[in-house]
Amino acid sequence: MESIVDTRHCAGCGVVIQVDDPKRPGYVPTGALAKEKIICQRCFRIKHYNEVAQVSMDDDDFVRILNQIGNTKALVVKVVDIFDFNGSWLKGLHRFVGKNPILLVGNKLDLLPKAINANRLVNWMKYEAKQLGLKPVDVVLCSAQKGTGIDRLVEAMSTYRKRQDVFVVGATNVGKSSLINRLLKEYGGGEDELTTSRFPGTTLDMIEIPIDDQTSLFDTPGIINRDQIVHMVDPEDLKLISPDKAINPKVYQLNDKQTLFFGGMARIDFVRGEKQSFVVYASNRISIHRTKLEKADELYQTHLGTDILSPPTGEKAKNLPPLRRVSFKIPPGEKKDIVISGLGWITPGQTGAWVDVHVPVGVSVVLRNSLI
């Protein structure tokens, strides 16, 4: 049984501190207990080495924490990663929030091409949210990394919370903690920071931050969307597929019976249609390899994990699940994105196309209205 030490909490991720099991959340060496502010061993390694140790928190833990939201009157701030809008979307959030208003926040605006039209993006998010069963009271675009849109977010939170608590929710790695750290730094929150990193799931328990004498802002643990490809790679490869600056769209003129590989993580087959452009939106670190469809299977079998088809790199390629095929027939005149959860998206031309997408088993692929 774990020894919980005076129910003290980690200043970085909010988890209860314990000294018995290094593999469980909240572990610290006994000598660290003398410090006024304690951060767990996991947060220490994230903060100082940008490394993360795997810890276990089951779905029941998440449900227990999120159920608290529906039992109080509050504003719910739902954060999504604009680059991975579909992959970071929380399904069935209404089951947890009750009748509380939801403010939809699109974070990581800095990852999109600089020519993006902000008003069009807001309208696109409102439409997509409605299609997914959510009608937010408002939509705010921001970048926690750059500080863009923070003033607008503070204004919207003040308007819609009506002197009530605020709960910030989202999938893992949407930047919730980075967003709150930005609020703390710019609006008088002192020196405390939440643990942030590029790795999914760095907040492990509810963290309460006072707004005033009567209300608080709560950062909740990220919910794992298991259909994101980011959960199938190790930390080193995750750095390659997760963009850290504005993506540069890559345009390929394809004839039918040609294939594009996203490293070794996914493959797009242009099965049938007129010659047209395919625009790829993905991390600048991922190499895109073009080949003939008839050679695609052999290329994947012989070069997966090599410089031609990586990530995954080297021996880590053996851990990637087998690929499954998803087919889309896009009618002429429609501008659509083919979205690979956690990896990016492809926008074919508008002359009509039959496209097969190959992704690891378990990864979601969807067709949506074009974002750009």
Protein backbone atom coordinates (compact mmCIF):
# COMPACT_ATOMS: atom_id res chain seq x y z
CA MET A 1 0.00 0.00 0.00
CA GLU A 2 1.30 3.46 -0.90
CA SER A 3 2.27 5.91 1.83
CA ILE A 4 0.56 9.22 1.13
CA VAL A 5 2.51 12.00 2.80
CA ASP A 6 0.13 14.48 4.49
CA THR A 7 -1.87 14.51 1.23
CA ARG A 8 0.57 16.99 -0.26
CA HIS A 9 0.28 17.55 -3.99
CA CYS A 10 2.84 17.93 -6.74
CA ALA A 11 3.21 21.60 -7.68
CA GLY A 12 3.64 20.60 -11.32
CA CYS A 13 0.91 18.09 -12.14
CA GLY A 14 -1.35 18.11 -9.07
CA VAL A 15 -1.01 14.42 -8.19
CA VAL A 16 -0.86 13.32 -4.54
CA ILE A 17 2.73 12.85 -3.37
CA GLN A 18 3.86 9.34 -2.32
CA VAL A 19 7.25 7.82 -1.46
CA ASP A 20 6.78 4.06 -1.95
CA ASP A 21 6.50 3.22 -5.65
CA PRO A 22 8.58 4.98 -8.35
CA LYS A 23 6.31 3.52 -11.04
CA ARG A 24 3.15 5.12 -9.67
CA PRO A 25 2.10 8.78 -10.06
CA GLY A 26 3.35 11.20 -7.41
CA TYR A 27 6.57 9.46 -6.40
CA VAL A 28 9.34 11.49 -4.74
CA PRO A 29 12.44 10.37 -2.83
CA THR A 30 11.98 10.74 0.92
CA GLY A 31 14.59 13.49 1.05
CA ALA A 32 12.44 15.74 -1.14
CA LEU A 33 9.73 15.97 1.51
CA ALA A 34 11.64 18.67 3.38
CA LYS A 35 11.11 21.15 0.55
CA GLU A 36 8.34 23.72 0.80
CA LYS A 37 7.28 23.15 -2.81
CA ILE A 38 7.45 19.54 -3.99
CA ILE A 39 7.38 18.32 -7.56
CA CYS A 40 7.15 14.61 -8.28
CA GLN A 41 9.97 12.71 -9.93
CA ARG A 42 8.09 12.60 -13.22
CA CYS A 43 7.60 16.38 -13.34
CA PHE A 44 11.23 16.91 -12.35
CA ARG A 45 12.43 14.94 -15.36
CA ILE A 46 9.99 16.71 -17.69
CA LYS A 47 11.01 20.14 -16.43
CA HIS A 48 14.78 19.64 -16.42
CA TYR A 49 15.39 16.97 -19.07
CA ASN A 50 12.26 17.10 -21.27
CA GLU A 51 11.89 13.39 -20.56
CA VAL A 52 8.75 11.65 -19.43
CA ALA A 53 8.26 8.42 -17.51
CA GLN A 54 5.16 6.38 -18.21
CA VAL A 55 2.67 6.24 -15.35
CA SER A 56 -0.69 4.55 -15.10
CA MET A 57 -4.04 6.29 -14.64
CA ASP A 58 -7.09 4.35 -15.75
CA ASP A 59 -10.27 5.67 -17.36
CA ASP A 60 -12.17 5.44 -14.06
CA ASP A 61 -9.79 8.02 -12.59
CA PHE A 62 -10.58 10.42 -15.42
CA VAL A 63 -14.32 9.86 -15.08
CA ARG A 64 -14.15 10.44 -11.33
CA ILE A 65 -12.42 13.77 -11.83
CA LEU A 66 -14.56 15.00 -14.70
CA ASN A 67 -17.85 14.03 -13.05
CA GLN A 68 -17.22 16.84 -10.58
CA ILE A 69 -17.82 19.36 -13.37
CA GLY A 70 -21.45 18.41 -13.85
CA ASN A 71 -22.14 18.78 -10.14
CA THR A 72 -21.37 22.49 -10.00
CA LYS A 73 -22.30 25.64 -11.90
CA ALA A 74 -19.26 26.69 -13.89
CA LEU A 75 -17.86 27.71 -17.24
CA VAL A 76 -16.24 24.85 -19.15
CA VAL A 77 -13.32 25.85 -21.36
CA LYS A 78 -12.81 23.10 -23.92
CA VAL A 79 -9.35 23.30 -25.50
CA VAL A 80 -8.59 21.66 -28.84
CA ASP A 81 -5.39 21.50 -30.85
CA ILE A 82 -6.18 23.34 -34.09
CA PHE A 83 -3.53 21.34 -35.94
CA ASP A 84 -5.20 18.11 -34.79
CA PHE A 85 -8.77 19.34 -34.37
CA ASN A 86 -10.46 16.00 -34.99
CA GLY A 87 -7.92 13.91 -33.11
CA SER A 88 -8.07 16.17 -30.05
CA TRP A 89 -11.87 16.43 -29.98
CA LEU A 90 -13.45 15.07 -26.78
CA LYS A 91 -16.43 12.93 -27.68
CA GLY A 92 -19.46 12.97 -25.40
CA LEU A 93 -18.30 15.88 -23.25
CA HIS A 94 -21.95 16.75 -22.51
CA ARG A 95 -22.13 13.67 -20.27
CA PHE A 96 -19.76 15.37 -17.85
CA VAL A 97 -20.59 19.08 -18.02
CA GLY A 98 -24.36 19.01 -17.57
CA LYS A 99 -25.95 22.31 -18.59
CA ASN A 100 -22.82 24.38 -18.07
CA PRO A 101 -21.82 26.70 -20.96
CA ILE A 102 -18.83 25.63 -23.06
CA LEU A 103 -16.25 28.05 -24.44
CA LEU A 104 -14.36 26.41 -27.31
CA VAL A 105 -10.67 27.38 -27.51
CA GLY A 106 -8.51 26.54 -30.51
CA ASN A 107 -4.92 26.42 -29.27
CA LYS A 108 -1.65 26.15 -31.24
CA LEU A 109 -2.70 28.74 -33.80
CA ASP A 110 1.01 29.31 -34.41
CA LEU A 111 1.28 25.86 -36.05
CA LEU A 112 -1.00 26.76 -38.96
CA PRO A 113 0.30 28.51 -42.09
CA LYS A 114 0.63 32.25 -41.48
CA ALA A 115 -1.77 33.10 -44.31
CA ILE A 116 -4.71 31.51 -42.46
CA ASN A 117 -7.86 33.66 -42.27
CA ALA A 118 -8.83 33.88 -38.59
CA ASN A 119 -12.50 34.75 -39.17
CA ARG A 120 -12.91 31.86 -41.58
CA LEU A 121 -11.23 29.54 -39.08
CA VAL A 122 -13.60 30.60 -36.28
CA ASN A 123 -16.62 29.97 -38.51
CA TRP A 124 -15.16 26.63 -39.57
CA MET A 125 -14.73 25.58 -35.92
CA LYS A 126 -18.30 26.60 -35.08
CA TYR A 127 -19.63 24.55 -37.99
CA GLU A 128 -17.49 21.50 -37.21
CA ALA A 129 -18.40 21.69 -33.52
CA LYS A 130 -22.09 21.72 -34.42
CA GLN A 131 -21.59 18.71 -36.69
CA LEU A 132 -19.97 16.94 -33.74
CA GLY A 133 -22.90 17.71 -31.45
CA LEU A 134 -21.59 20.76 -29.57
CA LYS A 135 -22.86 24.34 -29.63
CA PRO A 136 -20.30 26.49 -27.81
CA VAL A 137 -21.17 29.93 -26.47
CA ASP A 138 -18.14 31.29 -28.32
CA VAL A 139 -14.92 30.30 -30.10
CA VAL A 140 -11.50 31.78 -29.29
CA LEU A 141 -8.27 31.24 -31.22
CA CYS A 142 -4.96 31.45 -29.41
CA SER A 143 -1.38 30.28 -29.13
CA ALA A 144 -0.15 29.53 -25.63
CA GLN A 145 3.35 29.26 -27.07
CA LYS A 146 3.36 32.74 -28.64
CA GLY A 147 0.84 34.49 -26.38
CA THR A 148 -1.48 35.23 -29.31
CA GLY A 149 -5.15 35.64 -28.40
CA ILE A 150 -4.66 35.50 -24.62
CA ASP A 151 -6.33 38.90 -24.10
CA ARG A 152 -9.36 37.71 -26.06
CA LEU A 153 -9.49 34.49 -24.03
CA VAL A 154 -9.40 36.35 -20.71
CA GLU A 155 -12.18 38.65 -21.91
CA ALA A 156 -14.34 35.72 -23.03
CA MET A 157 -13.80 33.83 -19.78
CA SER A 158 -14.77 36.90 -17.78
CA THR A 159 -17.92 37.36 -19.86
CA TYR A 160 -19.20 33.80 -19.76
CA ARG A 161 -18.17 32.53 -16.33
CA LYS A 162 -20.43 35.02 -14.51
CA ARG A 163 -18.35 34.91 -11.33
CA GLN A 164 -18.37 31.12 -11.28
CA ASP A 165 -15.57 28.56 -11.37
CA VAL A 166 -13.82 27.67 -14.63
CA PHE A 167 -12.90 24.10 -15.63
CA VAL A 168 -10.36 23.69 -18.42
CA VAL A 169 -10.76 20.36 -20.21
CA GLY A 170 -9.23 18.73 -23.25
CA ALA A 171 -7.51 15.71 -24.69
CA THR A 172 -3.89 15.03 -23.86
CA ASN A 173 -1.33 17.33 -25.45
CA VAL A 174 -3.70 20.11 -26.57
CA GLY A 175 -1.69 22.61 -24.52
CA LYS A 176 -4.04 23.16 -21.58
CA SER A 177 -1.29 23.53 -19.00
CA SER A 178 0.77 25.77 -21.29
CA LEU A 179 -2.30 27.94 -21.75
CA ILE A 180 -2.86 28.27 -18.02
CA ASN A 181 0.83 28.99 -17.46
CA ARG A 182 0.50 31.85 -19.93
CA LEU A 183 -2.45 33.21 -17.94
CA LEU A 184 -0.49 32.88 -14.69
CA LYS A 185 2.52 34.74 -16.08
CA GLU A 186 0.63 37.57 -17.73
CA TYR A 187 -2.09 38.16 -15.17
CA GLY A 188 -0.41 38.03 -11.79
CA GLY A 189 -0.36 34.34 -10.94
CA GLY A 190 3.08 34.39 -9.34
CA GLU A 191 5.90 31.94 -9.94
CA ASP A 192 3.97 28.66 -9.92
CA GLU A 193 3.85 26.77 -13.19
CA LEU A 194 2.05 23.63 -14.25
CA THR A 195 4.15 20.89 -15.77
CA THR A 196 4.19 21.07 -19.57
CA SER A 197 5.95 19.10 -22.26
CA ARG A 198 5.40 17.81 -25.77
CA PHE A 199 4.42 14.43 -24.35
CA PRO A 200 0.73 13.53 -23.99
CA GLY A 201 -0.78 13.52 -20.53
CA THR A 202 1.47 15.55 -18.23
CA THR A 203 -1.29 16.77 -15.86
CA LEU A 204 -2.30 13.89 -13.58
CA ASP A 205 -4.95 15.32 -11.26
CA MET A 206 -7.22 18.33 -10.85
CA ILE A 207 -5.19 21.48 -10.16
CA GLU A 208 -7.01 24.40 -8.49
CA ILE A 209 -5.86 27.96 -9.17
CA PRO A 210 -7.72 30.75 -7.30
CA ILE A 211 -9.21 33.47 -9.51
CA ASP A 212 -10.51 35.53 -6.60
CA ASP A 213 -11.68 34.94 -3.02
CA GLN A 214 -14.66 32.86 -4.10
CA THR A 215 -13.90 31.21 -7.44
CA SER A 216 -11.13 29.14 -8.98
CA LEU A 217 -9.84 27.87 -12.29
CA PHE A 218 -9.33 24.09 -12.45
CA ASP A 219 -6.91 22.40 -14.82
CA THR A 220 -8.10 18.82 -15.41
CA PRO A 221 -6.08 15.82 -16.61
CA GLY A 222 -5.93 15.34 -20.35
CA ILE A 223 -8.20 12.60 -21.62
CA ILE A 224 -6.46 10.11 -23.88
CA ASN A 225 -7.97 9.79 -27.35
CA ARG A 226 -6.52 6.41 -28.18
CA ASP A 227 -7.17 6.75 -31.91
CA GLN A 228 -4.39 9.37 -32.22
CA ILE A 229 -1.22 8.13 -33.85
CA VAL A 230 0.88 9.95 -31.21
CA HIS A 231 0.09 7.17 -28.73
CA MET A 232 1.76 4.58 -30.97
CA VAL A 233 5.25 6.08 -31.10
CA ASP A 234 8.04 6.54 -28.59
CA PRO A 235 9.10 10.00 -27.32
CA GLU A 236 11.87 10.45 -29.90
CA ASP A 237 9.59 9.77 -32.87
CA LEU A 238 6.87 11.86 -31.26
CA LYS A 239 9.16 14.87 -31.59
CA LEU A 240 9.31 14.23 -35.34
CA ILE A 241 5.58 13.95 -36.00
CA SER A 242 4.48 16.75 -33.62
CA PRO A 243 5.10 20.17 -35.21
CA ASP A 244 6.69 22.84 -33.04
CA LYS A 245 6.44 25.71 -35.54
CA ALA A 246 4.24 26.77 -38.45
CA ILE A 247 3.78 23.94 -40.93
CA ASN A 248 4.81 24.49 -44.53
CA PRO A 249 2.20 23.00 -46.88
CA LYS A 250 3.72 20.72 -49.50
CA VAL A 251 2.05 20.46 -52.90
CA TYR A 252 2.33 17.33 -55.05
CA GLN A 253 0.96 16.97 -58.56
CA LEU A 254 -0.21 13.36 -58.75
CA ASN A 255 -1.46 11.13 -61.51
CA ASP A 256 -3.71 8.29 -60.52
CA LYS A 257 -1.93 5.13 -59.40
CA GLN A 258 0.61 7.15 -57.40
CA THR A 259 1.30 6.97 -53.66
CA LEU A 260 2.54 9.35 -50.97
CA PHE A 261 4.17 7.99 -47.80
CA PHE A 262 4.20 10.04 -44.57
CA GLY A 263 7.51 8.64 -43.41
CA GLY A 264 6.51 5.12 -42.43
CA MET A 265 3.48 6.22 -40.40
CA ALA A 266 0.85 6.37 -43.14
CA ARG A 267 0.32 6.08 -46.87
CA ILE A 268 -2.03 7.79 -49.34
CA ASP A 269 -2.93 6.03 -52.61
CA PHE A 270 -4.45 8.11 -55.42
CA VAL A 271 -6.42 5.25 -56.93
CA ARG A 272 -8.49 7.00 -59.58
CA GLY A 273 -9.09 10.49 -60.91
CA GLU A 274 -7.69 13.23 -63.11
CA LYS A 275 -4.20 14.56 -62.50
CA GLN A 276 -4.46 17.04 -59.62
CA SER A 277 -2.66 18.64 -56.72
CA PHE A 278 -2.53 17.03 -53.28
CA VAL A 279 -1.60 19.48 -50.51
CA VAL A 280 0.01 17.89 -47.45
CA TYR A 281 -0.22 19.53 -44.02
CA ALA A 282 2.08 17.77 -41.56
CA SER A 283 5.13 18.35 -39.38
CA ASN A 284 8.01 19.81 -41.34
CA ARG A 285 10.20 17.02 -39.95
CA ILE A 286 8.27 14.25 -41.69
CA SER A 287 9.66 13.27 -45.07
CA ILE A 288 7.07 12.69 -47.79
CA HIS A 289 8.06 9.99 -50.28
CA ARG A 290 6.32 9.59 -53.64
CA THR A 291 6.23 6.33 -55.56
CA LYS A 292 4.08 4.32 -57.96
CA LEU A 293 1.14 2.51 -56.40
CA GLU A 294 2.31 -0.80 -57.83
CA LYS A 295 5.58 -0.49 -55.89
CA ALA A 296 4.13 0.79 -52.61
CA ASP A 297 3.72 -2.55 -50.81
CA GLU A 298 7.25 -3.70 -51.58
CA LEU A 299 8.73 -0.32 -50.63
CA TYR A 300 6.98 -0.41 -47.25
CA GLN A 301 8.12 -3.95 -46.49
CA THR A 302 11.76 -3.34 -47.37
CA HIS A 303 12.35 0.26 -46.24
CA LEU A 304 10.15 0.82 -43.16
CA GLY A 305 12.34 2.33 -40.44
CA THR A 306 15.09 3.43 -42.85
CA ASP A 307 15.85 6.98 -43.95
CA ILE A 308 13.33 6.56 -46.78
CA LEU A 309 10.35 5.64 -44.60
CA SER A 310 10.82 7.01 -41.10
CA PRO A 311 9.57 7.71 -38.49
CA PRO A 312 9.29 5.18 -36.95
CA THR A 313 13.04 4.85 -36.89
CA GLY A 314 15.15 1.69 -36.81
CA GLU A 315 14.03 -1.20 -34.64
CA LYS A 316 11.09 0.83 -33.33
CA ALA A 317 9.33 0.18 -36.64
CA LYS A 318 8.68 -3.40 -35.46
CA ASN A 319 6.34 -2.06 -32.75
CA LEU A 320 4.07 -0.21 -35.20
CA PRO A 321 0.70 -1.97 -35.67
CA PRO A 322 -0.07 -3.29 -39.16
CA LEU A 323 -1.69 -0.88 -41.60
CA ARG A 324 -5.40 -0.91 -42.41
CA ARG A 325 -7.03 0.65 -45.47
CA VAL A 326 -9.76 3.32 -45.48
CA SER A 327 -11.26 4.38 -48.83
CA PHE A 328 -12.77 7.75 -49.77
CA LYS A 329 -14.53 8.82 -52.96
CA ILE A 330 -14.58 12.62 -53.17
CA PRO A 331 -17.05 14.05 -55.72
CA PRO A 332 -15.92 16.74 -58.18
CA GLY A 333 -16.30 20.30 -56.91
CA GLU A 334 -15.93 19.45 -53.21
CA LYS A 335 -12.90 20.64 -51.26
CA LYS A 336 -12.22 18.13 -48.49
CA ASP A 337 -9.49 17.29 -45.99
CA ILE A 338 -8.51 13.68 -45.35
CA VAL A 339 -7.44 13.77 -41.70
CA ILE A 340 -5.11 11.24 -40.05
CA SER A 341 -5.56 11.64 -36.30
CA GLY A 342 -2.41 13.04 -34.73
CA LEU A 343 -0.41 13.20 -37.96
CA GLY A 344 -1.96 15.86 -40.21
CA TRP A 345 -4.17 16.05 -43.27
CA ILE A 346 -4.20 16.00 -47.07
CA THR A 347 -6.35 18.16 -49.33
CA PRO A 348 -6.88 16.78 -52.86
CA GLY A 349 -7.86 19.01 -55.77
CA GLN A 350 -11.52 19.55 -56.60
CA THR A 351 -11.75 17.43 -59.74
CA GLY A 352 -12.91 14.32 -57.87
CA ALA A 353 -10.73 11.55 -56.48
CA TRP A 354 -10.80 7.99 -55.19
CA VAL A 355 -8.24 7.80 -52.40
CA ASP A 356 -7.14 4.89 -50.21
CA VAL A 357 -5.53 5.79 -46.87
CA HIS A 358 -3.37 3.25 -45.02
CA VAL A 359 -2.84 3.87 -41.29
CA PRO A 360 -1.86 1.73 -38.30
CA VAL A 361 -4.74 -0.28 -36.87
CA GLY A 362 -6.49 1.85 -34.24
CA VAL A 363 -5.74 5.24 -35.81
CA SER A 364 -8.74 7.30 -36.89
CA VAL A 365 -9.12 8.67 -40.43
CA VAL A 366 -11.96 11.09 -41.26
CA LEU A 367 -13.14 13.22 -44.16
CA ARG A 368 -14.11 16.81 -43.33
CA ASN A 369 -14.74 20.17 -44.96
CA SER A 370 -11.46 21.86 -45.81
CA LEU A 371 -9.95 23.89 -42.98
CA ILE A 372 -7.81 26.06 -45.28
